[in-house]
Amino acid sequence: MTLTKNSWLNDNVINLYLNLIVARSQKTTLPRVYAMNTFFVPSLLKGYKNVSRWTRHVDVFKEDMILVPVHVDNVHWCMAIIDMRKNMISYYDSFNIPNPTVLNALRNFLIEQSLARKLETPLTLKDFQVQHASNVPRQTNTSDCGVFSCMFAEYITRNKSLTFSQKDMPRFRKQMKREITNGRLDQ
């Protein structure tokens, strides 16, 4: 596992943690959550055809939130969150670097999904707002972006304010390791 101090989180850790958030959402009154895996965005950026079958068994429009991990240039983790209740796609980056390419690709994905699902009223570009979340906790090293990204997802899906900081990362690493080992999030 790559949750030791100063180690980068890999795809497996990110996917496992997001799956724990999804599992929790199915057992609580918190928002219903679906998570894309870490390979979704690279495939989406090559065209909708590459991901059109990824959600064939899931109606994303029935979820409250969709978590989308983003691995920028294979060196930096960020988190995009589609809030279906607010028709908002937000991008969370602990280095505060906007990513309009990913935001627009996600909005276009939703439009294509609405056409594929034959929604009564298909979505248009103006139906979903996109934003780079700028007032978020910042990392001060080069190794905690994965933990920040997972915590963005954890806090937002709990409807909590992003009140953590770099100093919380060692504690979060221990917590994530325990939760992944136990197969469930601490409540």
C-alpha atoms as a PDB file:
ATOM      1  CA  MET A   1       0.000   0.000   0.000  1.00  0.00           C
ATOM      2  CA  THR A   2       1.314   3.497  -0.741  1.00  0.00           C
ATOM      3  CA  LEU A   3      -0.067   5.313   2.283  1.00  0.00           C
ATOM      4  CA  THR A   4       3.271   5.637   4.053  1.00  0.00           C
ATOM      5  CA  LYS A   5       4.659   9.097   4.738  1.00  0.00           C
ATOM      6  CA  ASN A   6       5.663  11.061   1.620  1.00  0.00           C
ATOM      7  CA  SER A   7       4.613   8.321  -0.815  1.00  0.00           C
ATOM      8  CA  TRP A   8       2.437   8.959  -3.836  1.00  0.00           C
ATOM      9  CA  LEU A   9      -0.937   7.250  -3.899  1.00  0.00           C
ATOM     10  CA  ASN A  10      -1.442   4.881  -6.810  1.00  0.00           C
ATOM     11  CA  ASP A  11      -4.566   4.085  -8.829  1.00  0.00           C
ATOM     12  CA  ASN A  12      -5.469   1.145  -6.598  1.00  0.00           C
ATOM     13  CA  VAL A  13      -5.555   3.217  -3.415  1.00  0.00           C
ATOM     14  CA  ILE A  14      -7.573   6.001  -5.037  1.00  0.00           C
ATOM     15  CA  ASN A  15     -10.088   3.534  -6.531  1.00  0.00           C
ATOM     16  CA  LEU A  16     -10.417   1.554  -3.287  1.00  0.00           C
ATOM     17  CA  TYR A  17     -11.032   4.679  -1.248  1.00  0.00           C
ATOM     18  CA  LEU A  18     -13.610   6.085  -3.636  1.00  0.00           C
ATOM     19  CA  ASN A  19     -15.391   2.715  -3.643  1.00  0.00           C
ATOM     20  CA  LEU A  20     -15.626   2.949   0.161  1.00  0.00           C
ATOM     21  CA  ILE A  21     -17.294   6.348  -0.206  1.00  0.00           C
ATOM     22  CA  VAL A  22     -19.767   4.839  -2.689  1.00  0.00           C
ATOM     23  CA  ALA A  23     -20.501   1.905  -0.360  1.00  0.00           C
ATOM     24  CA  ARG A  24     -21.130   4.262   2.554  1.00  0.00           C
ATOM     25  CA  SER A  25     -23.538   6.339   0.459  1.00  0.00           C
ATOM     26  CA  GLN A  26     -25.703   3.284  -0.137  1.00  0.00           C
ATOM     27  CA  LYS A  27     -26.144   2.680   3.600  1.00  0.00           C
ATOM     28  CA  THR A  28     -26.721   6.194   4.943  1.00  0.00           C
ATOM     29  CA  THR A  29     -28.839   9.262   4.393  1.00  0.00           C
ATOM     30  CA  LEU A  30     -25.848  11.048   2.862  1.00  0.00           C
ATOM     31  CA  PRO A  31     -25.955  11.861  -0.867  1.00  0.00           C
ATOM     32  CA  ARG A  32     -25.975   8.872  -3.251  1.00  0.00           C
ATOM     33  CA  VAL A  33     -22.537   8.677  -4.820  1.00  0.00           C
ATOM     34  CA  TYR A  34     -21.067   6.969  -7.861  1.00  0.00           C
ATOM     35  CA  ALA A  35     -17.330   6.991  -8.584  1.00  0.00           C
ATOM     36  CA  MET A  36     -15.575   6.696 -11.902  1.00  0.00           C
ATOM     37  CA  ASN A  37     -12.274   4.871 -11.758  1.00  0.00           C
ATOM     38  CA  THR A  38      -8.904   6.472 -12.308  1.00  0.00           C
ATOM     39  CA  PHE A  39      -8.775   5.398 -15.958  1.00  0.00           C
ATOM     40  CA  PHE A  40     -12.014   7.176 -16.889  1.00  0.00           C
ATOM     41  CA  VAL A  41     -10.627  10.658 -17.630  1.00  0.00           C
ATOM     42  CA  PRO A  42      -7.728   9.521 -19.865  1.00  0.00           C
ATOM     43  CA  SER A  43     -10.209   7.445 -21.869  1.00  0.00           C
ATOM     44  CA  LEU A  44     -12.793  10.242 -21.979  1.00  0.00           C
ATOM     45  CA  LEU A  45     -10.212  12.715 -23.262  1.00  0.00           C
ATOM     46  CA  LYS A  46      -9.723  10.424 -26.271  1.00  0.00           C
ATOM     47  CA  GLY A  47     -13.434  10.711 -27.070  1.00  0.00           C
ATOM     48  CA  TYR A  48     -16.839   9.786 -25.683  1.00  0.00           C
ATOM     49  CA  LYS A  49     -16.855   6.525 -27.667  1.00  0.00           C
ATOM     50  CA  ASN A  50     -14.091   5.236 -25.399  1.00  0.00           C
ATOM     51  CA  VAL A  51     -16.297   5.517 -22.292  1.00  0.00           C
ATOM     52  CA  SER A  52     -19.806   5.194 -23.697  1.00  0.00           C
ATOM     53  CA  ARG A  53     -20.210   1.679 -22.290  1.00  0.00           C
ATOM     54  CA  TRP A  54     -18.648   2.406 -18.890  1.00  0.00           C
ATOM     55  CA  THR A  55     -21.978   3.428 -17.366  1.00  0.00           C
ATOM     56  CA  ARG A  56     -24.292   1.092 -19.253  1.00  0.00           C
ATOM     57  CA  HIS A  57     -25.413  -0.480 -15.946  1.00  0.00           C
ATOM     58  CA  VAL A  58     -25.593   2.818 -14.043  1.00  0.00           C
ATOM     59  CA  ASP A  59     -27.879   5.765 -14.666  1.00  0.00           C
ATOM     60  CA  VAL A  60     -25.646   8.649 -13.625  1.00  0.00           C
ATOM     61  CA  PHE A  61     -28.663  10.947 -13.611  1.00  0.00           C
ATOM     62  CA  LYS A  62     -30.101   9.070 -10.618  1.00  0.00           C
ATOM     63  CA  GLU A  63     -27.003   9.709  -8.504  1.00  0.00           C
ATOM     64  CA  ASP A  64     -26.560  12.787  -6.323  1.00  0.00           C
ATOM     65  CA  MET A  65     -22.818  13.029  -6.917  1.00  0.00           C
ATOM     66  CA  ILE A  66     -20.278  11.506  -9.244  1.00  0.00           C
ATOM     67  CA  LEU A  67     -16.636  11.416  -8.181  1.00  0.00           C
ATOM     68  CA  VAL A  68     -14.075  11.627 -10.968  1.00  0.00           C
ATOM     69  CA  PRO A  69     -10.393  11.247 -10.034  1.00  0.00           C
ATOM     70  CA  VAL A  70      -8.039  13.075 -12.373  1.00  0.00           C
ATOM     71  CA  HIS A  71      -4.359  12.157 -12.686  1.00  0.00           C
ATOM     72  CA  VAL A  72      -2.782  15.181 -14.374  1.00  0.00           C
ATOM     73  CA  ASP A  73       0.216  14.167 -16.492  1.00  0.00           C
ATOM     74  CA  ASN A  74       0.529  11.028 -14.322  1.00  0.00           C
ATOM     75  CA  VAL A  75       2.147  13.091 -11.547  1.00  0.00           C
ATOM     76  CA  HIS A  76      -0.620  15.009  -9.753  1.00  0.00           C
ATOM     77  CA  TRP A  77      -4.021  13.865  -8.436  1.00  0.00           C
ATOM     78  CA  CYS A  78      -7.070  16.129  -8.504  1.00  0.00           C
ATOM     79  CA  MET A  79     -10.775  15.466  -7.994  1.00  0.00           C
ATOM     80  CA  ALA A  80     -13.706  16.499 -10.135  1.00  0.00           C
ATOM     81  CA  ILE A  81     -17.125  16.204  -8.544  1.00  0.00           C
ATOM     82  CA  ILE A  82     -20.337  16.300 -10.513  1.00  0.00           C
ATOM     83  CA  ASP A  83     -23.162  17.420  -8.246  1.00  0.00           C
ATOM     84  CA  MET A  84     -26.330  16.338 -10.027  1.00  0.00           C
ATOM     85  CA  ARG A  85     -28.505  18.136  -7.468  1.00  0.00           C
ATOM     86  CA  LYS A  86     -26.934  21.501  -8.300  1.00  0.00           C
ATOM     87  CA  ASN A  87     -26.137  20.851 -11.987  1.00  0.00           C
ATOM     88  CA  MET A  88     -22.536  21.742 -11.155  1.00  0.00           C
ATOM     89  CA  ILE A  89     -19.197  20.226 -12.088  1.00  0.00           C
ATOM     90  CA  SER A  90     -16.416  21.328  -9.740  1.00  0.00           C
ATOM     91  CA  TYR A  91     -12.701  20.708 -10.041  1.00  0.00           C
ATOM     92  CA  TYR A  92     -10.631  20.483  -6.852  1.00  0.00           C
ATOM     93  CA  ASP A  93      -6.861  20.873  -7.129  1.00  0.00           C
ATOM     94  CA  SER A  94      -4.631  21.223  -4.067  1.00  0.00           C
ATOM     95  CA  PHE A  95      -2.177  23.229  -6.227  1.00  0.00           C
ATOM     96  CA  ASN A  96      -5.014  25.508  -7.464  1.00  0.00           C
ATOM     97  CA  ILE A  97      -4.369  24.872 -11.161  1.00  0.00           C
ATOM     98  CA  PRO A  98      -7.537  25.109 -13.292  1.00  0.00           C
ATOM     99  CA  ASN A  99      -8.266  22.347 -15.793  1.00  0.00           C
ATOM    100  CA  PRO A 100     -10.890  23.578 -18.283  1.00  0.00           C
ATOM    101  CA  THR A 101     -10.128  20.642 -20.593  1.00  0.00           C
ATOM    102  CA  VAL A 102     -11.334  18.101 -18.024  1.00  0.00           C
ATOM    103  CA  LEU A 103     -14.280  20.259 -16.950  1.00  0.00           C
ATOM    104  CA  ASN A 104     -15.504  20.632 -20.532  1.00  0.00           C
ATOM    105  CA  ALA A 105     -14.960  16.930 -21.262  1.00  0.00           C
ATOM    106  CA  LEU A 106     -17.095  16.022 -18.231  1.00  0.00           C
ATOM    107  CA  ARG A 107     -19.852  18.403 -19.263  1.00  0.00           C
ATOM    108  CA  ASN A 108     -19.797  16.925 -22.776  1.00  0.00           C
ATOM    109  CA  PHE A 109     -19.883  13.427 -21.260  1.00  0.00           C
ATOM    110  CA  LEU A 110     -23.111  14.319 -19.445  1.00  0.00           C
ATOM    111  CA  ILE A 111     -24.627  15.710 -22.634  1.00  0.00           C
ATOM    112  CA  GLU A 112     -23.713  12.529 -24.540  1.00  0.00           C
ATOM    113  CA  GLN A 113     -25.082  10.398 -21.692  1.00  0.00           C
ATOM    114  CA  SER A 114     -28.371  12.290 -21.791  1.00  0.00           C
ATOM    115  CA  LEU A 115     -28.653  11.534 -25.512  1.00  0.00           C
ATOM    116  CA  ALA A 116     -27.658   7.876 -25.052  1.00  0.00           C
ATOM    117  CA  ARG A 117     -30.173   7.432 -22.219  1.00  0.00           C
ATOM    118  CA  LYS A 118     -32.810   9.189 -24.330  1.00  0.00           C
ATOM    119  CA  LEU A 119     -33.764  11.583 -21.577  1.00  0.00           C
ATOM    120  CA  GLU A 120     -37.042  13.335 -22.179  1.00  0.00           C
ATOM    121  CA  THR A 121     -35.130  16.612 -22.361  1.00  0.00           C
ATOM    122  CA  PRO A 122     -31.489  16.071 -23.397  1.00  0.00           C
ATOM    123  CA  LEU A 123     -28.917  18.265 -21.683  1.00  0.00           C
ATOM    124  CA  THR A 124     -27.242  21.190 -23.379  1.00  0.00           C
ATOM    125  CA  LEU A 125     -24.028  23.068 -22.616  1.00  0.00           C
ATOM    126  CA  LYS A 126     -25.897  25.603 -20.500  1.00  0.00           C
ATOM    127  CA  ASP A 127     -27.544  22.957 -18.292  1.00  0.00           C
ATOM    128  CA  PHE A 128     -24.392  22.247 -16.283  1.00  0.00           C
ATOM    129  CA  GLN A 129     -22.160  24.924 -14.850  1.00  0.00           C
ATOM    130  CA  VAL A 130     -18.461  24.197 -14.454  1.00  0.00           C
ATOM    131  CA  GLN A 131     -16.147  25.722 -11.899  1.00  0.00           C
ATOM    132  CA  HIS A 132     -12.615  25.509 -10.677  1.00  0.00           C
ATOM    133  CA  ALA A 133     -12.968  25.425  -6.897  1.00  0.00           C
ATOM    134  CA  SER A 134     -10.418  28.028  -5.874  1.00  0.00           C
ATOM    135  CA  ASN A 135     -10.924  28.370  -2.130  1.00  0.00           C
ATOM    136  CA  VAL A 136      -9.747  24.883  -1.157  1.00  0.00           C
ATOM    137  CA  PRO A 137      -6.993  23.533   1.120  1.00  0.00           C
ATOM    138  CA  ARG A 138      -3.534  23.645  -0.452  1.00  0.00           C
ATOM    139  CA  GLN A 139      -0.742  21.161  -0.238  1.00  0.00           C
ATOM    140  CA  THR A 140       2.765  22.360   0.575  1.00  0.00           C
ATOM    141  CA  ASN A 141       4.723  19.333  -0.591  1.00  0.00           C
ATOM    142  CA  THR A 142       4.814  17.178  -3.720  1.00  0.00           C
ATOM    143  CA  SER A 143       3.516  13.910  -2.282  1.00  0.00           C
ATOM    144  CA  ASP A 144       0.083  14.498  -0.720  1.00  0.00           C
ATOM    145  CA  CYS A 145      -2.075  15.344  -3.752  1.00  0.00           C
ATOM    146  CA  GLY A 146      -3.711  11.900  -3.718  1.00  0.00           C
ATOM    147  CA  VAL A 147      -4.665  12.235  -0.070  1.00  0.00           C
ATOM    148  CA  PHE A 148      -5.978  15.758  -0.675  1.00  0.00           C
ATOM    149  CA  SER A 149      -8.055  14.473  -3.606  1.00  0.00           C
ATOM    150  CA  CYS A 150      -9.563  11.646  -1.562  1.00  0.00           C
ATOM    151  CA  MET A 151     -10.347  14.060   1.268  1.00  0.00           C
ATOM    152  CA  PHE A 152     -12.005  16.494  -1.144  1.00  0.00           C
ATOM    153  CA  ALA A 153     -14.303  13.617  -2.138  1.00  0.00           C
ATOM    154  CA  GLU A 154     -14.804  12.453   1.456  1.00  0.00           C
ATOM    155  CA  TYR A 155     -15.714  15.895   2.809  1.00  0.00           C
ATOM    156  CA  ILE A 156     -17.914  16.980  -0.116  1.00  0.00           C
ATOM    157  CA  THR A 157     -19.913  13.718  -0.073  1.00  0.00           C
ATOM    158  CA  ARG A 158     -20.514  14.225   3.645  1.00  0.00           C
ATOM    159  CA  ASN A 159     -21.711  17.793   2.948  1.00  0.00           C
ATOM    160  CA  LYS A 160     -18.833  19.087   5.096  1.00  0.00           C
ATOM    161  CA  SER A 161     -16.776  22.220   4.593  1.00  0.00           C
ATOM    162  CA  LEU A 162     -13.199  21.685   3.446  1.00  0.00           C
ATOM    163  CA  THR A 163     -11.636  22.517   6.812  1.00  0.00           C
ATOM    164  CA  PHE A 164      -8.506  20.366   6.638  1.00  0.00           C
ATOM    165  CA  SER A 165      -4.960  21.414   5.810  1.00  0.00           C
ATOM    166  CA  GLN A 166      -1.516  20.051   5.052  1.00  0.00           C
ATOM    167  CA  LYS A 167      -0.929  19.339   8.744  1.00  0.00           C
ATOM    168  CA  ASP A 168      -3.810  16.806   8.679  1.00  0.00           C
ATOM    169  CA  MET A 169      -2.213  14.644   5.986  1.00  0.00           C
ATOM    170  CA  PRO A 170      -0.272  12.233   8.281  1.00  0.00           C
ATOM    171  CA  ARG A 171      -3.477  11.555  10.240  1.00  0.00           C
ATOM    172  CA  PHE A 172      -5.486  11.118   7.028  1.00  0.00           C
ATOM    173  CA  ARG A 173      -2.928   8.655   5.666  1.00  0.00           C
ATOM    174  CA  LYS A 174      -3.281   6.506   8.804  1.00  0.00           C
ATOM    175  CA  GLN A 175      -7.070   6.818   8.669  1.00  0.00           C
ATOM    176  CA  MET A 176      -7.230   5.835   4.988  1.00  0.00           C
ATOM    177  CA  LYS A 177      -4.961   2.828   5.568  1.00  0.00           C
ATOM    178  CA  ARG A 178      -7.171   1.663   8.441  1.00  0.00           C
ATOM    179  CA  GLU A 179     -10.377   2.219   6.465  1.00  0.00           C
ATOM    180  CA  ILE A 180      -9.116   0.408   3.370  1.00  0.00           C
ATOM    181  CA  THR A 181      -7.853  -2.480   5.526  1.00  0.00           C
ATOM    182  CA  ASN A 182     -11.226  -2.670   7.340  1.00  0.00           C
ATOM    183  CA  GLY A 183     -13.191  -2.331   4.097  1.00  0.00           C
ATOM    184  CA  ARG A 184     -15.331   0.537   5.391  1.00  0.00           C
ATOM    185  CA  LEU A 185     -15.096   4.204   6.256  1.00  0.00           C
ATOM    186  CA  ASP A 186     -15.003   5.323   9.879  1.00  0.00           C
ATOM    187  CA  GLN A 187     -18.249   7.012  10.869  1.00  0.00           C
END
